Amino acid sequence: MSGELGVLNALDVAKTQWYHFTAIVIAGMGFFTDAYDLFCISLVTKLLGRIYYSDPTAPKPGTLPPNVQAAVTGVALCGTLAGQLFFGWLGDKLGRKKVYGLTLMLMVVCSIASGLSFGSSPNGVMATLCFFRFWLGFGIGGDYPLSATIMSEYANKKTRGAFIAAVFAMQGFGILSGGIVALIVSSAFDHKYKVPSYQENAEASLVLPAFDYVWRIVLMFGAVPAALTYYWRMKMPETARYTALVAKNAKQAAADMSKVLNVDLEAEEEKVQKITEADTNRFGLFSKEFAKRHGLHLVGTTTTWFLLDIAFYSQNLFQKDIFSAIGWLPPAQEMNAIHEVYKIARAQTLIALCSTVPGYWFTVAFIDYMGRFAIQLMGFFFMTVFMFALAIPYDHWTKKENRTGFVVMYSLTFFFSNFGPNATTFVVPAEIFPARLRSTCHGISAAAGKAGAIVGAFGFLYAAQSKDPSKTDKGYPTGIGIKNSLIMLGVINFAGMLFTLLVPESKGKSLEELSGENEEGAEAIELAGSARTAPV
């Protein structure tokens, strides 16, 4: 590596030390908030239906009309997609750190605002809620490319995969905390207001305005962890790779990293100038040169993330429907409004505790030994197997005595999405692209993922409806049923396995080796190409 900069080399070979962990916590808390905010909505949608769309004379409690349900669950995902593209691009233009504070403020303000949604009619409240959830999603979207890029640029090459995966693993704690906060709030209200179930007394099963505070508290709590890390985010120096390779300021990069690493580093201004002015470091995102070097990589990272998120989000958003279908949740009319929130949160917390959280940390533990490629391929393979195992004998799983088996299989699918593509699709795009396009390319890959999430969330809302018109949820057309939906998800996971073959292995190499930034001409293309696929 003729052109390796001393400051970047120092980061690559640095021993794991305190600043690595502060970086994980600072970037990870953003992710914790992201997951909390995106997933806590699924805990309170049934409550919103009861509060705003109930007719006390009906035999069942109110539910959100299909279009409102789709808007409330999906609008944050649409915001996230837009935010990933916009802030990903901005992170390469203005620098990671500047944009990072901006996304955090947006998340804090919109979390609080979404809990203060107001309106004189039910649709008015839902419209304000959707407005703020969109902008909340926009802020969350910025967190994806920036957290990943900052962590990958700070990490050493030996344990980089584990560090980026650890940032992503905070998502598991975010989902878990969403469940726990909902459990605490619903228990507190349950103790204060002892109310009958909907069947016993429809009007008395809902205490207003008291129960209206429940969902607001749950949504607003998302602002707390984000606000706490704001100060630390602002104190973090800009990454050396951005300062040196993109902003071309060798002095600043050396000064910042001398502080962080506690060693003296010299500013290599001539080297920085030589590297940044080389032809291999001038091509843009839409150039032939980029297509030749990184085109297939970008296709690989976008398609795998897209396919994964179709499966991942359709499961997560429909947990409560699956729990009802297999009898973990009693029929809605047998519970009062608060008990329903409590039971949904309890089920989600159990799934998160037993399969989601452990899956993330398995990735952290093994990613730098097994490599990204192997983990992603294995994850997609097992997700495919378990989806078909749930789908084909679906009637067998719905019988009362087999329900536990169903939940175990369902949990294993989750476990292998997290000890698998859910983590690796986040890690790889932060490693394999050049510094000046890194945040943009990660944003594009993540946005493809969110497009998949939108397909999963909206598509399966309708697809999973029963084929029998008398069994569909109120206001929905008949769908293909849960069984066929699961078969489709199995096929999607299989496709993910095939597209994984386009994704390069980045284990143990420096970021500049992977992107070919320090090399001249033909050598660089060879380097970027040598990272093509199969595991090392």
Protein backbone atom coordinates (compact mmCIF):
# COMPACT_ATOMS: atom_id res chain seq x y z
CA MET A 1 0.00 0.00 0.00
CA SER A 2 2.17 2.76 -1.30
CA GLY A 3 -0.13 5.66 -0.61
CA GLU A 4 -1.51 4.68 2.81
CA LEU A 5 -1.92 7.77 5.00
CA GLY A 6 -0.32 7.54 8.44
CA VAL A 7 -3.43 8.83 10.19
CA LEU A 8 -5.69 6.22 8.54
CA ASN A 9 -3.18 3.46 9.12
CA ALA A 10 -3.08 4.44 12.80
CA LEU A 11 -6.87 3.99 12.98
CA ASP A 12 -6.70 0.65 11.13
CA VAL A 13 -4.19 -0.93 13.46
CA ALA A 14 -5.31 0.74 16.71
CA LYS A 15 -6.02 -1.61 19.57
CA THR A 16 -9.62 -1.72 20.76
CA GLN A 17 -9.87 1.10 23.29
CA TRP A 18 -12.21 3.41 25.12
CA TYR A 19 -13.06 5.72 22.18
CA HIS A 20 -14.34 2.71 20.20
CA PHE A 21 -16.91 2.03 22.90
CA THR A 22 -17.96 5.66 23.24
CA ALA A 23 -18.45 5.72 19.45
CA ILE A 24 -20.59 2.57 19.65
CA VAL A 25 -22.74 4.05 22.42
CA ILE A 26 -23.13 7.46 20.74
CA ALA A 27 -24.00 5.99 17.33
CA GLY A 28 -25.92 3.12 18.93
CA MET A 29 -28.24 5.35 20.96
CA GLY A 30 -29.41 6.89 17.70
CA PHE A 31 -30.28 3.41 16.51
CA PHE A 32 -31.93 2.54 19.80
CA THR A 33 -34.22 5.55 19.29
CA ASP A 34 -34.84 4.64 15.63
CA ALA A 35 -36.04 1.16 16.49
CA TYR A 36 -38.09 2.37 19.44
CA ASP A 37 -39.85 4.99 17.33
CA LEU A 38 -40.46 2.77 14.30
CA PHE A 39 -41.77 -0.24 16.21
CA CYS A 40 -43.64 1.28 19.16
CA ILE A 41 -46.48 2.29 16.83
CA SER A 42 -47.46 -1.36 16.35
CA LEU A 43 -48.07 -1.60 20.12
CA VAL A 44 -50.69 1.14 20.15
CA THR A 45 -52.56 0.86 16.80
CA LYS A 46 -55.28 -1.34 18.34
CA LEU A 47 -55.72 1.18 21.15
CA LEU A 48 -56.03 4.02 18.62
CA GLY A 49 -58.76 2.03 16.89
CA ARG A 50 -60.68 1.64 20.15
CA ILE A 51 -60.34 5.27 21.17
CA TYR A 52 -61.15 6.93 17.87
CA TYR A 53 -63.21 4.46 15.88
CA SER A 54 -65.35 2.59 18.43
CA ASP A 55 -69.09 2.19 18.21
CA PRO A 56 -70.32 1.01 21.64
CA THR A 57 -73.28 -0.81 20.03
CA ALA A 58 -71.02 -3.00 17.82
CA PRO A 59 -70.16 -6.54 19.01
CA LYS A 60 -66.39 -5.94 18.57
CA PRO A 61 -64.28 -2.93 19.62
CA GLY A 62 -63.32 -0.41 16.93
CA THR A 63 -60.26 -0.86 14.74
CA LEU A 64 -58.46 1.62 12.51
CA PRO A 65 -59.97 1.66 8.98
CA PRO A 66 -57.57 0.00 6.48
CA ASN A 67 -56.41 3.25 4.88
CA VAL A 68 -55.73 4.85 8.27
CA GLN A 69 -53.99 1.73 9.57
CA ALA A 70 -51.75 1.68 6.48
CA ALA A 71 -50.99 5.39 6.81
CA VAL A 72 -50.19 5.26 10.53
CA THR A 73 -47.86 2.24 10.27
CA GLY A 74 -46.33 3.11 6.90
CA VAL A 75 -45.85 6.86 6.89
CA ALA A 76 -42.76 6.75 9.13
CA LEU A 77 -41.22 4.21 6.74
CA CYS A 78 -41.83 6.56 3.79
CA GLY A 79 -40.16 9.38 5.76
CA THR A 80 -37.22 7.10 6.57
CA LEU A 81 -36.71 6.25 2.90
CA ALA A 82 -36.60 9.94 1.96
CA GLY A 83 -34.31 10.73 4.91
CA GLN A 84 -31.84 7.98 4.00
CA LEU A 85 -31.39 9.32 0.48
CA PHE A 86 -31.25 12.98 1.49
CA PHE A 87 -29.04 12.77 4.58
CA GLY A 88 -26.86 10.07 3.00
CA TRP A 89 -26.06 12.50 0.20
CA LEU A 90 -25.68 15.41 2.65
CA GLY A 91 -23.30 13.40 4.86
CA ASP A 92 -20.85 13.19 1.94
CA LYS A 93 -21.29 16.87 1.11
CA LEU A 94 -21.15 18.57 4.53
CA GLY A 95 -19.43 15.95 6.68
CA ARG A 96 -20.78 13.21 8.91
CA LYS A 97 -20.74 15.14 12.16
CA LYS A 98 -22.65 18.26 11.09
CA VAL A 99 -25.51 16.27 9.63
CA TYR A 100 -25.56 13.88 12.58
CA GLY A 101 -26.67 16.57 15.06
CA LEU A 102 -29.36 17.72 12.67
CA THR A 103 -31.00 14.29 12.37
CA LEU A 104 -31.00 13.89 16.14
CA MET A 105 -32.77 17.20 16.76
CA LEU A 106 -35.38 16.30 14.17
CA MET A 107 -36.00 12.98 15.96
CA VAL A 108 -36.39 14.61 19.39
CA VAL A 109 -38.78 17.32 18.19
CA CYS A 110 -40.95 14.96 16.12
CA SER A 111 -41.13 12.28 18.83
CA ILE A 112 -42.59 14.83 21.23
CA ALA A 113 -44.81 16.37 18.56
CA SER A 114 -46.28 13.01 17.50
CA GLY A 115 -47.40 12.45 21.10
CA LEU A 116 -49.07 15.87 21.06
CA SER A 117 -51.11 15.14 17.92
CA PHE A 118 -54.41 17.00 18.11
CA GLY A 119 -57.59 17.39 16.10
CA SER A 120 -61.31 17.84 16.57
CA SER A 121 -62.17 14.68 14.63
CA PRO A 122 -60.61 11.18 14.71
CA ASN A 123 -59.27 11.66 11.18
CA GLY A 124 -57.81 15.03 12.22
CA VAL A 125 -55.83 13.42 15.04
CA MET A 126 -54.62 10.67 12.72
CA ALA A 127 -53.60 13.20 10.05
CA THR A 128 -51.48 15.23 12.53
CA LEU A 129 -50.00 12.00 13.88
CA CYS A 130 -49.08 10.92 10.35
CA PHE A 131 -47.55 14.32 9.58
CA PHE A 132 -45.20 14.19 12.57
CA ARG A 133 -44.45 10.49 12.08
CA PHE A 134 -43.32 11.27 8.53
CA TRP A 135 -40.79 13.87 9.71
CA LEU A 136 -39.76 11.62 12.58
CA GLY A 137 -39.02 8.96 9.95
CA PHE A 138 -37.09 11.53 7.92
CA GLY A 139 -34.75 12.12 10.88
CA ILE A 140 -34.45 8.40 11.55
CA GLY A 141 -33.52 7.84 7.92
CA GLY A 142 -30.50 10.12 8.29
CA ASP A 143 -29.27 8.06 11.20
CA TYR A 144 -28.78 4.91 9.12
CA PRO A 145 -26.04 6.01 6.69
CA LEU A 146 -24.38 8.34 9.21
CA SER A 147 -24.17 5.90 12.15
CA ALA A 148 -22.78 3.16 9.93
CA THR A 149 -20.29 5.41 8.15
CA ILE A 150 -19.02 7.07 11.35
CA MET A 151 -18.51 3.72 13.03
CA SER A 152 -16.78 2.13 10.04
CA GLU A 153 -14.46 5.13 9.67
CA TYR A 154 -13.52 5.13 13.35
CA ALA A 155 -13.02 1.38 13.73
CA ASN A 156 -9.83 -0.66 13.32
CA LYS A 157 -9.81 -3.23 10.54
CA LYS A 158 -9.63 -6.28 12.79
CA THR A 159 -12.89 -5.73 14.67
CA ARG A 160 -14.67 -3.28 12.37
CA GLY A 161 -17.51 -5.70 11.56
CA ALA A 162 -18.27 -6.27 15.24
CA PHE A 163 -18.30 -2.53 15.97
CA ILE A 164 -20.71 -1.65 13.16
CA ALA A 165 -22.89 -4.65 14.05
CA ALA A 166 -22.89 -3.53 17.71
CA VAL A 167 -24.29 -0.14 16.67
CA PHE A 168 -26.99 -1.94 14.72
CA ALA A 169 -27.64 -4.35 17.60
CA MET A 170 -28.88 -1.44 19.69
CA GLN A 171 -31.97 -1.75 17.51
CA GLY A 172 -32.82 -4.91 19.44
CA PHE A 173 -32.76 -3.00 22.72
CA GLY A 174 -34.90 -0.29 21.16
CA ILE A 175 -37.60 -2.81 20.20
CA LEU A 176 -37.33 -4.37 23.66
CA SER A 177 -37.64 -0.98 25.38
CA GLY A 178 -40.71 -0.15 23.30
CA GLY A 179 -42.37 -3.26 24.71
CA ILE A 180 -41.21 -2.55 28.28
CA VAL A 181 -42.37 1.09 28.26
CA ALA A 182 -45.78 0.00 26.94
CA LEU A 183 -45.96 -2.68 29.67
CA ILE A 184 -45.15 -0.20 32.45
CA VAL A 185 -47.55 2.48 31.20
CA SER A 186 -50.42 0.04 30.62
CA SER A 187 -49.91 -1.60 34.04
CA ALA A 188 -49.96 1.77 35.77
CA PHE A 189 -53.23 2.76 34.07
CA ASP A 190 -54.70 -0.68 34.72
CA HIS A 191 -54.07 -0.35 38.46
CA LYS A 192 -55.64 3.09 38.60
CA TYR A 193 -58.71 2.33 36.46
CA LYS A 194 -60.15 -1.12 36.99
CA VAL A 195 -62.39 -1.46 33.94
CA PRO A 196 -64.46 -4.38 32.56
CA SER A 197 -63.81 -6.07 29.21
CA TYR A 198 -65.53 -4.85 26.05
CA GLN A 199 -67.98 -7.80 26.15
CA GLU A 200 -69.13 -7.04 29.70
CA ASN A 201 -69.60 -3.32 29.18
CA ALA A 202 -68.53 -1.71 25.93
CA GLU A 203 -68.66 1.89 27.14
CA ALA A 204 -66.98 1.27 30.49
CA SER A 205 -64.09 -0.70 28.90
CA LEU A 206 -62.57 2.59 27.73
CA VAL A 207 -61.93 5.52 30.09
CA LEU A 208 -61.50 8.79 28.22
CA PRO A 209 -59.56 11.04 28.19
CA ALA A 210 -57.32 8.97 30.52
CA PHE A 211 -56.58 6.12 28.09
CA ASP A 212 -55.81 8.64 25.38
CA TYR A 213 -52.64 9.49 27.32
CA VAL A 214 -51.33 5.92 27.10
CA TRP A 215 -50.33 5.96 23.43
CA ARG A 216 -49.08 9.54 23.71
CA ILE A 217 -46.72 8.68 26.58
CA VAL A 218 -45.42 5.62 24.72
CA LEU A 219 -44.67 7.64 21.57
CA MET A 220 -43.13 10.62 23.37
CA PHE A 221 -40.74 8.51 25.41
CA GLY A 222 -38.73 8.00 22.20
CA ALA A 223 -37.35 11.53 22.60
CA VAL A 224 -35.55 10.72 25.87
CA PRO A 225 -32.58 8.58 24.70
CA ALA A 226 -32.01 10.80 21.66
CA ALA A 227 -31.93 13.99 23.72
CA LEU A 228 -29.48 12.41 26.18
CA THR A 229 -26.84 11.70 23.51
CA TYR A 230 -27.05 15.06 21.74
CA TYR A 231 -24.23 16.64 23.75
CA TRP A 232 -21.88 13.71 23.15
CA ARG A 233 -22.62 13.67 19.46
CA MET A 234 -21.64 17.28 19.16
CA LYS A 235 -18.32 16.70 20.99
CA MET A 236 -17.25 13.85 18.71
CA PRO A 237 -14.65 15.00 16.13
CA GLU A 238 -15.32 14.55 12.40
CA THR A 239 -13.98 11.22 11.09
CA ALA A 240 -10.40 11.36 9.79
CA ARG A 241 -11.39 9.71 6.51
CA TYR A 242 -13.86 12.46 5.75
CA THR A 243 -11.50 15.25 6.83
CA ALA A 244 -8.52 13.89 4.88
CA LEU A 245 -10.01 12.18 1.81
CA VAL A 246 -13.09 14.34 1.19
CA ALA A 247 -12.47 17.72 2.84
CA LYS A 248 -8.73 17.36 1.96
CA ASN A 249 -7.63 18.87 5.26
CA ALA A 250 -4.62 16.81 6.38
CA LYS A 251 -3.77 19.06 9.34
CA GLN A 252 -7.22 18.83 10.88
CA ALA A 253 -7.40 15.05 10.40
CA ALA A 254 -4.05 14.55 12.09
CA ALA A 255 -4.94 16.91 14.96
CA ASP A 256 -8.34 15.27 15.58
CA MET A 257 -7.02 11.72 15.56
CA SER A 258 -3.97 12.61 17.70
CA LYS A 259 -6.46 13.57 20.41
CA VAL A 260 -8.62 10.50 19.93
CA LEU A 261 -5.76 7.98 19.75
CA ASN A 262 -3.44 9.77 22.22
CA VAL A 263 -0.46 9.55 19.83
CA ASP A 264 1.39 12.13 17.77
CA LEU A 265 0.44 11.99 14.11
CA GLU A 266 1.97 14.15 11.42
CA ALA A 267 -0.07 15.97 8.82
CA GLU A 268 0.86 14.51 5.44
CA GLU A 269 -0.44 17.28 3.23
CA GLU A 270 1.37 16.26 0.05
CA LYS A 271 0.19 12.68 0.33
CA VAL A 272 -3.41 13.80 0.89
CA GLN A 273 -3.18 16.05 -2.15
CA LYS A 274 -1.73 13.26 -4.26
CA ILE A 275 -4.37 10.74 -3.23
CA THR A 276 -7.35 13.08 -3.57
CA GLU A 277 -6.25 14.41 -6.95
CA ALA A 278 -5.58 11.01 -8.50
CA ASP A 279 -7.99 10.15 -11.34
CA THR A 280 -9.12 7.07 -9.45
CA ASN A 281 -10.58 9.35 -6.76
CA ARG A 282 -12.44 11.81 -8.94
CA PHE A 283 -15.27 9.78 -10.47
CA GLY A 284 -18.84 10.44 -9.34
CA LEU A 285 -21.73 8.16 -8.50
CA PHE A 286 -23.20 8.20 -12.01
CA SER A 287 -19.94 7.64 -13.91
CA LYS A 288 -18.90 4.64 -16.00
CA GLU A 289 -15.90 4.27 -13.72
CA PHE A 290 -18.16 3.82 -10.68
CA ALA A 291 -20.31 1.30 -12.55
CA LYS A 292 -17.19 -0.65 -13.57
CA ARG A 293 -15.77 -0.78 -10.06
CA HIS A 294 -18.69 -0.74 -7.71
CA GLY A 295 -21.77 -1.19 -9.87
CA LEU A 296 -22.34 -4.84 -9.02
CA HIS A 297 -21.57 -4.19 -5.37
CA LEU A 298 -24.29 -1.53 -5.22
CA VAL A 299 -26.76 -3.87 -6.97
CA GLY A 300 -25.88 -6.54 -4.41
CA THR A 301 -26.27 -4.32 -1.33
CA THR A 302 -29.54 -2.75 -2.53
CA THR A 303 -31.29 -5.94 -3.66
CA THR A 304 -30.38 -8.00 -0.60
CA TRP A 305 -31.54 -5.25 1.77
CA PHE A 306 -34.74 -4.77 -0.25
CA LEU A 307 -35.63 -8.48 -0.14
CA LEU A 308 -34.69 -8.88 3.51
CA ASP A 309 -36.84 -5.97 4.67
CA ILE A 310 -39.93 -7.24 2.86
CA ALA A 311 -39.74 -10.31 5.09
CA PHE A 312 -38.46 -8.58 8.20
CA TYR A 313 -41.00 -5.77 8.41
CA SER A 314 -43.99 -7.81 7.36
CA GLN A 315 -43.26 -10.13 10.29
CA ASN A 316 -42.63 -7.38 12.79
CA LEU A 317 -45.66 -5.32 11.95
CA PHE A 318 -47.97 -8.33 11.90
CA GLN A 319 -46.78 -10.02 15.04
CA LYS A 320 -49.96 -9.08 16.83
CA ASP A 321 -52.14 -10.55 14.05
CA ILE A 322 -50.17 -13.79 14.12
CA PHE A 323 -50.42 -13.92 17.92
CA SER A 324 -54.20 -13.53 17.66
CA ALA A 325 -54.41 -16.16 14.94
CA ILE A 326 -52.60 -18.76 17.07
CA GLY A 327 -54.45 -17.77 20.24
CA TRP A 328 -51.72 -16.00 22.22
CA LEU A 329 -53.97 -12.95 22.30
CA PRO A 330 -57.62 -13.49 23.28
CA PRO A 331 -60.30 -12.06 20.92
CA ALA A 332 -60.46 -8.26 21.20
CA GLN A 333 -63.93 -8.18 22.74
CA GLU A 334 -62.75 -10.28 25.71
CA MET A 335 -60.29 -7.59 26.82
CA ASN A 336 -60.55 -3.96 27.82
CA ALA A 337 -58.46 -1.35 25.99
CA ILE A 338 -55.55 -1.40 28.44
CA HIS A 339 -55.31 -5.18 28.73
CA GLU A 340 -55.03 -5.37 24.97
CA VAL A 341 -52.03 -3.01 24.93
CA TYR A 342 -50.50 -5.01 27.79
CA LYS A 343 -50.91 -8.38 26.06
CA ILE A 344 -49.57 -7.15 22.70
CA ALA A 345 -46.57 -5.53 24.42
CA ARG A 346 -45.93 -8.66 26.48
CA ALA A 347 -45.88 -10.88 23.40
CA GLN A 348 -43.58 -8.49 21.50
CA THR A 349 -41.23 -8.16 24.48
CA LEU A 350 -40.96 -11.94 24.84
CA ILE A 351 -40.13 -12.38 21.14
CA ALA A 352 -37.57 -9.56 21.34
CA LEU A 353 -35.98 -10.96 24.49
CA CYS A 354 -35.78 -14.56 23.33
CA SER A 355 -34.86 -14.23 19.66
CA THR A 356 -34.37 -10.68 18.36
CA VAL A 357 -31.79 -9.41 20.86
CA PRO A 358 -29.68 -12.62 21.02
CA GLY A 359 -29.58 -12.80 17.19
CA TYR A 360 -27.96 -9.35 16.94
CA TRP A 361 -25.27 -10.18 19.48
CA PHE A 362 -24.46 -13.49 17.80
CA THR A 363 -23.61 -11.43 14.72
CA VAL A 364 -21.41 -9.11 16.79
CA ALA A 365 -19.57 -12.11 18.21
CA PHE A 366 -18.99 -14.01 14.96
CA ILE A 367 -18.89 -11.47 12.12
CA ASP A 368 -15.11 -10.96 12.16
CA TYR A 369 -14.48 -14.73 12.30
CA MET A 370 -17.07 -16.10 9.88
CA GLY A 371 -17.13 -13.04 7.63
CA ARG A 372 -20.12 -11.04 6.33
CA PHE A 373 -20.75 -13.23 3.31
CA ALA A 374 -21.10 -16.51 5.22
CA ILE A 375 -23.39 -15.01 7.87
CA GLN A 376 -25.66 -13.41 5.26
CA LEU A 377 -25.92 -16.57 3.17
CA MET A 378 -26.59 -18.72 6.23
CA GLY A 379 -29.23 -16.30 7.56
CA PHE A 380 -31.18 -16.19 4.30
CA PHE A 381 -30.95 -19.99 4.00
CA PHE A 382 -32.43 -20.65 7.45
CA MET A 383 -35.09 -17.94 7.04
CA THR A 384 -36.19 -19.69 3.84
CA VAL A 385 -36.27 -23.09 5.58
CA PHE A 386 -38.27 -21.87 8.60
CA MET A 387 -40.74 -19.87 6.49
CA PHE A 388 -41.58 -22.97 4.43
CA ALA A 389 -41.70 -25.08 7.59
CA LEU A 390 -44.32 -22.68 8.98
CA ALA A 391 -46.24 -22.25 5.75
CA ILE A 392 -46.62 -25.71 4.26
CA PRO A 393 -48.12 -27.47 7.31
CA TYR A 394 -49.83 -24.19 8.41
CA ASP A 395 -53.09 -25.93 9.40
CA HIS A 396 -51.09 -28.15 11.75
CA TRP A 397 -49.64 -25.10 13.54
CA THR A 398 -53.04 -23.46 14.13
CA LYS A 399 -54.25 -26.35 16.33
CA LYS A 400 -54.15 -25.48 20.00
CA GLU A 401 -51.63 -28.15 21.08
CA ASN A 402 -49.08 -27.07 18.43
CA ARG A 403 -49.03 -23.36 19.16
CA THR A 404 -45.82 -23.41 21.17
CA GLY A 405 -44.05 -25.07 18.25
CA PHE A 406 -45.32 -22.33 15.94
CA VAL A 407 -43.94 -19.60 18.21
CA VAL A 408 -40.57 -21.39 18.49
CA MET A 409 -40.26 -21.66 14.68
CA TYR A 410 -41.40 -18.07 14.29
CA SER A 411 -38.76 -16.94 16.83
CA LEU A 412 -36.06 -18.88 15.01
CA THR A 413 -36.89 -17.07 11.77
CA PHE A 414 -36.30 -13.81 13.63
CA PHE A 415 -33.14 -15.11 15.23
CA PHE A 416 -31.64 -15.96 11.83
CA SER A 417 -32.67 -12.68 10.27
CA ASN A 418 -30.68 -10.88 12.98
CA PHE A 419 -27.84 -13.41 13.09
CA GLY A 420 -27.82 -13.00 9.33
CA PRO A 421 -28.83 -10.50 6.68
CA ASN A 422 -30.55 -7.96 8.92
CA ALA A 423 -27.17 -7.09 10.45
CA THR A 424 -24.85 -7.75 7.49
CA THR A 425 -26.85 -5.67 4.99
CA PHE A 426 -26.22 -2.73 7.34
CA VAL A 427 -22.50 -3.43 7.82
CA VAL A 428 -21.25 -4.09 4.27
CA PRO A 429 -22.34 -0.88 2.46
CA ALA A 430 -20.45 1.14 5.08
CA GLU A 431 -17.20 -0.62 4.13
CA ILE A 432 -16.92 -1.22 0.41
CA PHE A 433 -17.46 2.20 -1.21
CA PRO A 434 -15.01 5.16 -1.49
CA ALA A 435 -15.07 7.74 1.34
CA ARG A 436 -16.56 10.53 -0.78
CA LEU A 437 -19.54 8.32 -1.77
CA ARG A 438 -19.73 6.08 1.28
CA SER A 439 -22.58 7.77 3.09
CA THR A 440 -24.55 8.23 -0.17
CA CYS A 441 -24.20 4.58 -1.19
CA HIS A 442 -25.15 3.40 2.27
CA GLY A 443 -28.18 5.71 2.11
CA ILE A 444 -29.19 4.27 -1.29
CA SER A 445 -28.85 0.69 0.00
CA ALA A 446 -30.80 1.51 3.15
CA ALA A 447 -33.51 3.28 1.15
CA ALA A 448 -33.89 0.16 -1.01
CA GLY A 449 -34.37 -1.70 2.26
CA LYS A 450 -37.06 0.72 3.37
CA ALA A 451 -38.78 0.33 0.00
CA GLY A 452 -38.89 -3.37 0.84
CA ALA A 453 -40.26 -2.53 4.28
CA ILE A 454 -43.05 -0.50 2.67
CA VAL A 455 -43.88 -3.42 0.36
CA GLY A 456 -43.84 -5.73 3.39
CA ALA A 457 -45.92 -3.42 5.57
CA PHE A 458 -48.53 -2.38 3.01
CA GLY A 459 -48.55 -5.46 0.80
CA PHE A 460 -48.93 -7.96 3.61
CA LEU A 461 -51.53 -5.86 5.39
CA TYR A 462 -53.82 -6.86 2.53
CA ALA A 463 -52.25 -10.17 1.51
CA ALA A 464 -52.51 -11.79 4.94
CA GLN A 465 -56.31 -11.29 5.06
CA SER A 466 -58.32 -14.51 5.01
CA LYS A 467 -59.68 -15.91 1.72
CA ASP A 468 -63.03 -16.35 3.46
CA PRO A 469 -64.90 -12.99 3.29
CA SER A 470 -66.54 -13.58 6.70
CA LYS A 471 -63.13 -13.82 8.42
CA THR A 472 -61.42 -10.70 7.08
CA ASP A 473 -60.85 -7.64 9.27
CA LYS A 474 -63.50 -4.96 8.92
CA GLY A 475 -63.10 -2.93 5.71
CA TYR A 476 -60.45 -5.15 4.08
CA PRO A 477 -60.90 -7.12 0.85
CA THR A 478 -60.14 -10.84 0.94
CA GLY A 479 -56.43 -11.68 0.68
CA ILE A 480 -54.38 -14.81 0.03
CA GLY A 481 -54.36 -15.87 3.69
CA ILE A 482 -51.49 -16.19 6.16
CA LYS A 483 -50.36 -19.54 4.74
CA ASN A 484 -49.80 -18.25 1.20
CA SER A 485 -48.25 -15.06 2.56
CA LEU A 486 -45.68 -17.15 4.42
CA ILE A 487 -44.92 -19.15 1.25
CA MET A 488 -44.31 -15.87 -0.60
CA LEU A 489 -41.94 -14.72 2.16
CA GLY A 490 -40.05 -18.01 1.83
CA VAL A 491 -39.57 -17.40 -1.91
CA ILE A 492 -38.40 -13.83 -1.21
CA ASN A 493 -35.80 -15.09 1.28
CA PHE A 494 -34.55 -17.59 -1.28
CA ALA A 495 -34.08 -14.77 -3.81
CA GLY A 496 -32.11 -12.90 -1.13
CA MET A 497 -29.77 -15.87 -0.91
CA LEU A 498 -29.06 -15.68 -4.65
CA PHE A 499 -28.40 -11.92 -4.66
CA THR A 500 -25.99 -12.32 -1.73
CA LEU A 501 -23.56 -13.77 -4.30
CA LEU A 502 -23.00 -10.23 -5.62
CA VAL A 503 -21.87 -8.88 -2.25
CA PRO A 504 -18.11 -8.81 -1.58
CA GLU A 505 -16.42 -10.06 1.57
CA SER A 506 -14.86 -7.17 3.49
CA LYS A 507 -13.48 -9.01 6.53
CA GLY A 508 -10.01 -7.96 7.71
CA LYS A 509 -9.25 -5.42 4.94
CA SER A 510 -8.83 -1.69 5.39
CA LEU A 511 -11.53 0.59 3.94
CA GLU A 512 -9.06 1.98 1.40
CA GLU A 513 -8.10 -1.52 0.24
CA LEU A 514 -11.77 -2.33 -0.30
CA SER A 515 -12.55 0.83 -2.26
CA GLY A 516 -9.17 1.01 -4.05
CA GLU A 517 -8.75 4.66 -3.05
CA ASN A 518 -5.00 4.63 -2.47
CA GLU A 519 -4.01 2.86 -5.66
CA GLU A 520 -3.44 4.12 -9.15
CA GLY A 521 -5.28 3.10 -12.31
CA ALA A 522 -5.48 -0.58 -13.21
CA GLU A 523 -4.32 -1.71 -9.78
CA ALA A 524 -7.30 0.03 -8.19
CA ILE A 525 -9.88 -1.65 -10.41
CA GLU A 526 -8.27 -4.97 -9.67
CA LEU A 527 -8.46 -4.27 -5.94
CA ALA A 528 -12.08 -3.21 -6.01
CA GLY A 529 -12.78 -6.23 -8.22
CA SER A 530 -10.87 -8.67 -6.03
CA ALA A 531 -13.35 -7.91 -3.29
CA ARG A 532 -16.03 -9.21 -5.65
CA THR A 533 -17.70 -12.14 -3.93
CA ALA A 534 -16.96 -15.48 -2.42
CA PRO A 535 -15.63 -15.57 1.13
CA VAL A 536 -11.93 -15.42 1.83
